[in-house]
Amino acid sequence: MSLNWAMLTPDRSPVPLPDELTITAVTSNVEVSLNIPDAPPTRSSSSGGSGGAKKLKETGALYLTDKRLIFIAPPSRSFDSLSIPLPAILSTRFEQPTFGANYLGFEIKPAPDGGLTNGTQAEVRFKDKAMFEFVSLLEKTREKAIYMKRHGAEEEEGLPTYTYPAESSTVSYVGDVPVDNPPGYDA
């Protein structure tokens, strides 16, 4: 099962999107835990949610690109892959518990039909590597992705379309000269 899935190559690395650059990769011993709350009832279903809350945990590889965060588990696991567009990471927190390993926690905005629901929480732990540098890279890359998304939306809005005034405007013409023009000057 894939959640918000990623396309994989035969060697189980992510297939990049057009113009996507890989920033960093941690290719082993990354643990991802997902807490997926029960989905609210849909309009077409009166039976309630999707079958209860789910808690999934896998160990695999983590890739950070300029567009998304990708987790890939070994085959035949509870979930195969997780691909999260960076603007879909709603909030992050770097936890440093007194007892236990540091971890990154974040909330995910689910994609339609991606296998996640509103309120999905994720935790990422590195088993044999410090994660502060990775968290810093993720935050900087996420900020840039959000900025680019907003900037792109502003450009798409563009300027409004202007039209010529209707022929029934209040300006009267004498010949081809509008009457409201300022008076002519003597040379």
C-alpha atoms as a PDB file:
ATOM      1  CA  MET A   1       0.000   0.000   0.000  1.00  0.00           C
ATOM      2  CA  SER A   2       1.270   3.458  -0.873  1.00  0.00           C
ATOM      3  CA  LEU A   3       0.100   6.610   0.840  1.00  0.00           C
ATOM      4  CA  ASN A   4       0.326   9.757  -1.259  1.00  0.00           C
ATOM      5  CA  TRP A   5       2.553   7.492  -3.334  1.00  0.00           C
ATOM      6  CA  ALA A   6       5.753   8.143  -5.214  1.00  0.00           C
ATOM      7  CA  MET A   7       6.775   6.514  -8.503  1.00  0.00           C
ATOM      8  CA  LEU A   8       9.844   4.339  -7.983  1.00  0.00           C
ATOM      9  CA  THR A   9      12.668   3.144 -10.227  1.00  0.00           C
ATOM     10  CA  PRO A  10      13.536  -0.588 -10.302  1.00  0.00           C
ATOM     11  CA  ASP A  11      16.213   0.049  -7.634  1.00  0.00           C
ATOM     12  CA  ARG A  12      13.497   1.658  -5.402  1.00  0.00           C
ATOM     13  CA  SER A  13      14.605   5.261  -5.604  1.00  0.00           C
ATOM     14  CA  PRO A  14      12.063   8.003  -6.406  1.00  0.00           C
ATOM     15  CA  VAL A  15      11.418   9.060  -9.981  1.00  0.00           C
ATOM     16  CA  PRO A  16      11.900  12.845 -10.044  1.00  0.00           C
ATOM     17  CA  LEU A  17       9.160  15.190 -11.159  1.00  0.00           C
ATOM     18  CA  PRO A  18       9.912  17.556 -14.071  1.00  0.00           C
ATOM     19  CA  ASP A  19      12.554  20.105 -13.013  1.00  0.00           C
ATOM     20  CA  GLU A  20      12.870  18.498  -9.553  1.00  0.00           C
ATOM     21  CA  LEU A  21      16.245  18.460  -7.786  1.00  0.00           C
ATOM     22  CA  THR A  22      17.236  16.104  -4.967  1.00  0.00           C
ATOM     23  CA  ILE A  23      18.726  18.094  -2.102  1.00  0.00           C
ATOM     24  CA  THR A  24      19.663  15.287   0.285  1.00  0.00           C
ATOM     25  CA  ALA A  25      18.936  11.631   0.968  1.00  0.00           C
ATOM     26  CA  VAL A  26      19.201   9.404   4.003  1.00  0.00           C
ATOM     27  CA  THR A  27      19.135   5.988   2.384  1.00  0.00           C
ATOM     28  CA  SER A  28      18.802   3.723   5.440  1.00  0.00           C
ATOM     29  CA  ASN A  29      17.620   3.498   9.032  1.00  0.00           C
ATOM     30  CA  VAL A  30      14.956   6.202   8.864  1.00  0.00           C
ATOM     31  CA  GLU A  31      11.849   5.423  10.884  1.00  0.00           C
ATOM     32  CA  VAL A  32       8.562   7.075   9.891  1.00  0.00           C
ATOM     33  CA  SER A  33       5.470   6.766  12.079  1.00  0.00           C
ATOM     34  CA  LEU A  34       2.085   7.882  10.790  1.00  0.00           C
ATOM     35  CA  ASN A  35      -1.008   8.515  12.866  1.00  0.00           C
ATOM     36  CA  ILE A  36      -3.964   8.693  10.479  1.00  0.00           C
ATOM     37  CA  PRO A  37      -7.216   9.670  12.231  1.00  0.00           C
ATOM     38  CA  ASP A  38     -10.551   8.213  11.174  1.00  0.00           C
ATOM     39  CA  ALA A  39     -11.946   9.954   8.117  1.00  0.00           C
ATOM     40  CA  PRO A  40     -15.235  11.822   8.551  1.00  0.00           C
ATOM     41  CA  PRO A  41     -18.217  10.335   6.707  1.00  0.00           C
ATOM     42  CA  THR A  42     -18.435  11.183   3.040  1.00  0.00           C
ATOM     43  CA  ARG A  43     -21.619  12.361   1.329  1.00  0.00           C
ATOM     44  CA  SER A  44     -21.940   9.062  -0.526  1.00  0.00           C
ATOM     45  CA  SER A  45     -21.356   6.943   2.580  1.00  0.00           C
ATOM     46  CA  SER A  46     -23.646   6.929   5.587  1.00  0.00           C
ATOM     47  CA  SER A  47     -21.659   4.289   7.453  1.00  0.00           C
ATOM     48  CA  GLY A  48     -19.163   6.726   9.006  1.00  0.00           C
ATOM     49  CA  GLY A  49     -15.430   6.983   8.485  1.00  0.00           C
ATOM     50  CA  SER A  50     -12.921   4.804   6.725  1.00  0.00           C
ATOM     51  CA  GLY A  51     -12.648   2.065   9.335  1.00  0.00           C
ATOM     52  CA  GLY A  52     -10.958   3.715  12.296  1.00  0.00           C
ATOM     53  CA  ALA A  53      -7.716   5.478  13.025  1.00  0.00           C
ATOM     54  CA  LYS A  54      -4.513   3.882  11.751  1.00  0.00           C
ATOM     55  CA  LYS A  55      -1.028   3.888  13.220  1.00  0.00           C
ATOM     56  CA  LEU A  56       1.663   2.825  10.774  1.00  0.00           C
ATOM     57  CA  LYS A  57       5.422   2.571  11.315  1.00  0.00           C
ATOM     58  CA  GLU A  58       8.135   1.647   8.814  1.00  0.00           C
ATOM     59  CA  THR A  59      11.905   1.900   8.427  1.00  0.00           C
ATOM     60  CA  GLY A  60      13.384   2.881   5.072  1.00  0.00           C
ATOM     61  CA  ALA A  61      14.934   5.752   3.100  1.00  0.00           C
ATOM     62  CA  LEU A  62      14.075   9.460   3.118  1.00  0.00           C
ATOM     63  CA  TYR A  63      14.629  11.885   0.223  1.00  0.00           C
ATOM     64  CA  LEU A  64      14.303  15.661   0.318  1.00  0.00           C
ATOM     65  CA  THR A  65      13.843  17.410  -3.024  1.00  0.00           C
ATOM     66  CA  ASP A  66      13.056  21.014  -3.819  1.00  0.00           C
ATOM     67  CA  LYS A  67       9.373  20.027  -4.242  1.00  0.00           C
ATOM     68  CA  ARG A  68       8.615  17.159  -1.838  1.00  0.00           C
ATOM     69  CA  LEU A  69       9.627  14.911   1.037  1.00  0.00           C
ATOM     70  CA  ILE A  70       9.657  11.220   0.018  1.00  0.00           C
ATOM     71  CA  PHE A  71       9.833   8.136   2.233  1.00  0.00           C
ATOM     72  CA  ILE A  72      10.356   4.687   0.708  1.00  0.00           C
ATOM     73  CA  ALA A  73       9.996   1.494   2.751  1.00  0.00           C
ATOM     74  CA  PRO A  74      11.251  -1.953   1.710  1.00  0.00           C
ATOM     75  CA  PRO A  75       8.680  -3.952  -0.312  1.00  0.00           C
ATOM     76  CA  SER A  76       5.851  -5.897   1.369  1.00  0.00           C
ATOM     77  CA  ARG A  77       5.409  -3.588   4.335  1.00  0.00           C
ATOM     78  CA  SER A  78       2.409  -1.830   5.887  1.00  0.00           C
ATOM     79  CA  PHE A  79       2.991   1.021   3.448  1.00  0.00           C
ATOM     80  CA  ASP A  80       5.333   1.198   0.479  1.00  0.00           C
ATOM     81  CA  SER A  81       5.966   4.915  -0.024  1.00  0.00           C
ATOM     82  CA  LEU A  82       4.912   8.340   1.119  1.00  0.00           C
ATOM     83  CA  SER A  83       5.312  11.460  -1.014  1.00  0.00           C
ATOM     84  CA  ILE A  84       4.492  14.809   0.586  1.00  0.00           C
ATOM     85  CA  PRO A  85       4.618  18.065  -1.400  1.00  0.00           C
ATOM     86  CA  LEU A  86       6.516  20.553   0.778  1.00  0.00           C
ATOM     87  CA  PRO A  87       3.620  23.066   0.930  1.00  0.00           C
ATOM     88  CA  ALA A  88       1.440  20.203   2.280  1.00  0.00           C
ATOM     89  CA  ILE A  89       3.555  20.042   5.451  1.00  0.00           C
ATOM     90  CA  LEU A  90       1.356  22.267   7.595  1.00  0.00           C
ATOM     91  CA  SER A  91       3.431  22.586  10.760  1.00  0.00           C
ATOM     92  CA  THR A  92       6.684  21.116  12.010  1.00  0.00           C
ATOM     93  CA  ARG A  93       8.278  20.652  15.389  1.00  0.00           C
ATOM     94  CA  PHE A  94      11.747  19.395  16.261  1.00  0.00           C
ATOM     95  CA  GLU A  95      11.411  17.416  19.487  1.00  0.00           C
ATOM     96  CA  GLN A  96      14.348  16.768  21.811  1.00  0.00           C
ATOM     97  CA  PRO A  97      12.967  14.507  24.547  1.00  0.00           C
ATOM     98  CA  THR A  98      14.899  14.013  27.779  1.00  0.00           C
ATOM     99  CA  PHE A  99      14.845  10.259  27.335  1.00  0.00           C
ATOM    100  CA  GLY A 100      14.892   9.031  23.753  1.00  0.00           C
ATOM    101  CA  ALA A 101      16.078  10.121  20.347  1.00  0.00           C
ATOM    102  CA  ASN A 102      15.360  13.484  18.749  1.00  0.00           C
ATOM    103  CA  TYR A 103      12.618  13.412  16.151  1.00  0.00           C
ATOM    104  CA  LEU A 104      10.797  15.625  13.699  1.00  0.00           C
ATOM    105  CA  GLY A 105       7.022  15.782  14.024  1.00  0.00           C
ATOM    106  CA  PHE A 106       4.702  17.379  11.475  1.00  0.00           C
ATOM    107  CA  GLU A 107       1.106  17.555  10.295  1.00  0.00           C
ATOM    108  CA  ILE A 108       0.266  16.672   6.691  1.00  0.00           C
ATOM    109  CA  LYS A 109      -2.430  18.190   4.494  1.00  0.00           C
ATOM    110  CA  PRO A 110      -3.814  15.141   2.681  1.00  0.00           C
ATOM    111  CA  ALA A 111      -4.093  14.923  -1.093  1.00  0.00           C
ATOM    112  CA  PRO A 112      -7.447  13.752  -2.498  1.00  0.00           C
ATOM    113  CA  ASP A 113      -7.563   9.938  -2.668  1.00  0.00           C
ATOM    114  CA  GLY A 114      -4.025   9.760  -1.250  1.00  0.00           C
ATOM    115  CA  GLY A 115      -4.809   7.442   1.650  1.00  0.00           C
ATOM    116  CA  LEU A 116      -4.452  10.128   4.348  1.00  0.00           C
ATOM    117  CA  THR A 117      -7.085  12.139   6.197  1.00  0.00           C
ATOM    118  CA  ASN A 118      -7.202  15.601   7.781  1.00  0.00           C
ATOM    119  CA  GLY A 119      -5.204  15.664  10.989  1.00  0.00           C
ATOM    120  CA  THR A 120      -2.600  13.108   9.858  1.00  0.00           C
ATOM    121  CA  GLN A 121       0.532  13.388  11.991  1.00  0.00           C
ATOM    122  CA  ALA A 122       3.986  12.035  11.102  1.00  0.00           C
ATOM    123  CA  GLU A 123       7.166  11.512  13.092  1.00  0.00           C
ATOM    124  CA  VAL A 124      10.599  10.960  11.545  1.00  0.00           C
ATOM    125  CA  ARG A 125      13.518   9.475  13.485  1.00  0.00           C
ATOM    126  CA  PHE A 126      17.043   8.725  12.312  1.00  0.00           C
ATOM    127  CA  LYS A 127      18.408   5.591  13.985  1.00  0.00           C
ATOM    128  CA  ASP A 128      22.110   6.168  13.370  1.00  0.00           C
ATOM    129  CA  LYS A 129      22.507   9.793  12.299  1.00  0.00           C
ATOM    130  CA  ALA A 130      22.022  13.237  13.799  1.00  0.00           C
ATOM    131  CA  MET A 131      18.971  14.939  12.356  1.00  0.00           C
ATOM    132  CA  PHE A 132      19.415  18.626  13.190  1.00  0.00           C
ATOM    133  CA  GLU A 133      21.103  19.383   9.832  1.00  0.00           C
ATOM    134  CA  PHE A 134      18.321  17.567   7.955  1.00  0.00           C
ATOM    135  CA  VAL A 135      15.611  19.498   9.830  1.00  0.00           C
ATOM    136  CA  SER A 136      17.340  22.778   8.992  1.00  0.00           C
ATOM    137  CA  LEU A 137      17.503  21.839   5.284  1.00  0.00           C
ATOM    138  CA  LEU A 138      13.865  20.770   5.309  1.00  0.00           C
ATOM    139  CA  GLU A 139      12.703  24.037   6.885  1.00  0.00           C
ATOM    140  CA  LYS A 140      14.653  26.210   4.438  1.00  0.00           C
ATOM    141  CA  THR A 141      13.494  24.180   1.436  1.00  0.00           C
ATOM    142  CA  ARG A 142       9.884  24.164   2.663  1.00  0.00           C
ATOM    143  CA  GLU A 143       9.911  27.955   3.131  1.00  0.00           C
ATOM    144  CA  LYS A 144      11.212  28.424  -0.410  1.00  0.00           C
ATOM    145  CA  ALA A 145       8.604  26.009  -1.851  1.00  0.00           C
ATOM    146  CA  ILE A 146       5.794  27.859  -0.069  1.00  0.00           C
ATOM    147  CA  TYR A 147       7.153  31.210  -1.308  1.00  0.00           C
ATOM    148  CA  MET A 148       7.370  29.919  -4.888  1.00  0.00           C
ATOM    149  CA  LYS A 149       3.830  28.529  -4.714  1.00  0.00           C
ATOM    150  CA  ARG A 150       2.466  31.881  -3.491  1.00  0.00           C
ATOM    151  CA  HIS A 151       4.511  33.805  -6.039  1.00  0.00           C
ATOM    152  CA  GLY A 152       3.222  31.537  -8.836  1.00  0.00           C
ATOM    153  CA  ALA A 153      -0.372  32.047  -7.706  1.00  0.00           C
ATOM    154  CA  GLU A 154       0.083  35.823  -7.779  1.00  0.00           C
ATOM    155  CA  GLU A 155       1.494  35.685 -11.307  1.00  0.00           C
ATOM    156  CA  GLU A 156      -1.415  33.545 -12.500  1.00  0.00           C
ATOM    157  CA  GLU A 157      -3.896  36.137 -11.245  1.00  0.00           C
ATOM    158  CA  GLY A 158      -2.378  38.765 -13.519  1.00  0.00           C
ATOM    159  CA  LEU A 159      -4.092  42.017 -14.374  1.00  0.00           C
ATOM    160  CA  PRO A 160      -7.807  42.274 -14.996  1.00  0.00           C
ATOM    161  CA  THR A 161      -9.045  42.360 -18.569  1.00  0.00           C
ATOM    162  CA  TYR A 162      -9.987  45.823 -19.711  1.00  0.00           C
ATOM    163  CA  THR A 163     -12.650  46.615 -22.277  1.00  0.00           C
ATOM    164  CA  TYR A 164     -13.353  49.730 -24.267  1.00  0.00           C
ATOM    165  CA  PRO A 165     -16.147  51.911 -22.942  1.00  0.00           C
ATOM    166  CA  ALA A 166     -19.504  51.316 -24.504  1.00  0.00           C
ATOM    167  CA  GLU A 167     -20.519  53.502 -27.438  1.00  0.00           C
ATOM    168  CA  SER A 168     -23.202  55.061 -25.242  1.00  0.00           C
ATOM    169  CA  SER A 169     -20.654  56.934 -23.122  1.00  0.00           C
ATOM    170  CA  THR A 170     -21.339  60.501 -22.006  1.00  0.00           C
ATOM    171  CA  VAL A 171     -18.587  61.963 -24.217  1.00  0.00           C
ATOM    172  CA  SER A 172     -20.068  63.732 -27.233  1.00  0.00           C
ATOM    173  CA  TYR A 173     -18.251  64.124 -30.496  1.00  0.00           C
ATOM    174  CA  VAL A 174     -18.211  66.943 -33.050  1.00  0.00           C
ATOM    175  CA  GLY A 175     -16.797  65.310 -36.134  1.00  0.00           C
ATOM    176  CA  ASP A 176     -13.997  63.080 -34.839  1.00  0.00           C
ATOM    177  CA  VAL A 177     -13.081  65.388 -31.915  1.00  0.00           C
ATOM    178  CA  PRO A 178     -14.514  64.769 -28.449  1.00  0.00           C
ATOM    179  CA  VAL A 179     -16.301  67.828 -27.055  1.00  0.00           C
ATOM    180  CA  ASP A 180     -14.743  67.401 -23.604  1.00  0.00           C
ATOM    181  CA  ASN A 181     -11.208  68.010 -24.921  1.00  0.00           C
ATOM    182  CA  PRO A 182      -9.415  71.049 -23.496  1.00  0.00           C
ATOM    183  CA  PRO A 183      -9.504  74.175 -25.628  1.00  0.00           C
ATOM    184  CA  GLY A 184      -6.884  74.574 -28.341  1.00  0.00           C
ATOM    185  CA  TYR A 185      -3.938  76.912 -27.787  1.00  0.00           C
ATOM    186  CA  ASP A 186      -2.809  79.598 -30.138  1.00  0.00           C
ATOM    187  CA  ALA A 187       0.690  79.147 -31.409  1.00  0.00           C
END
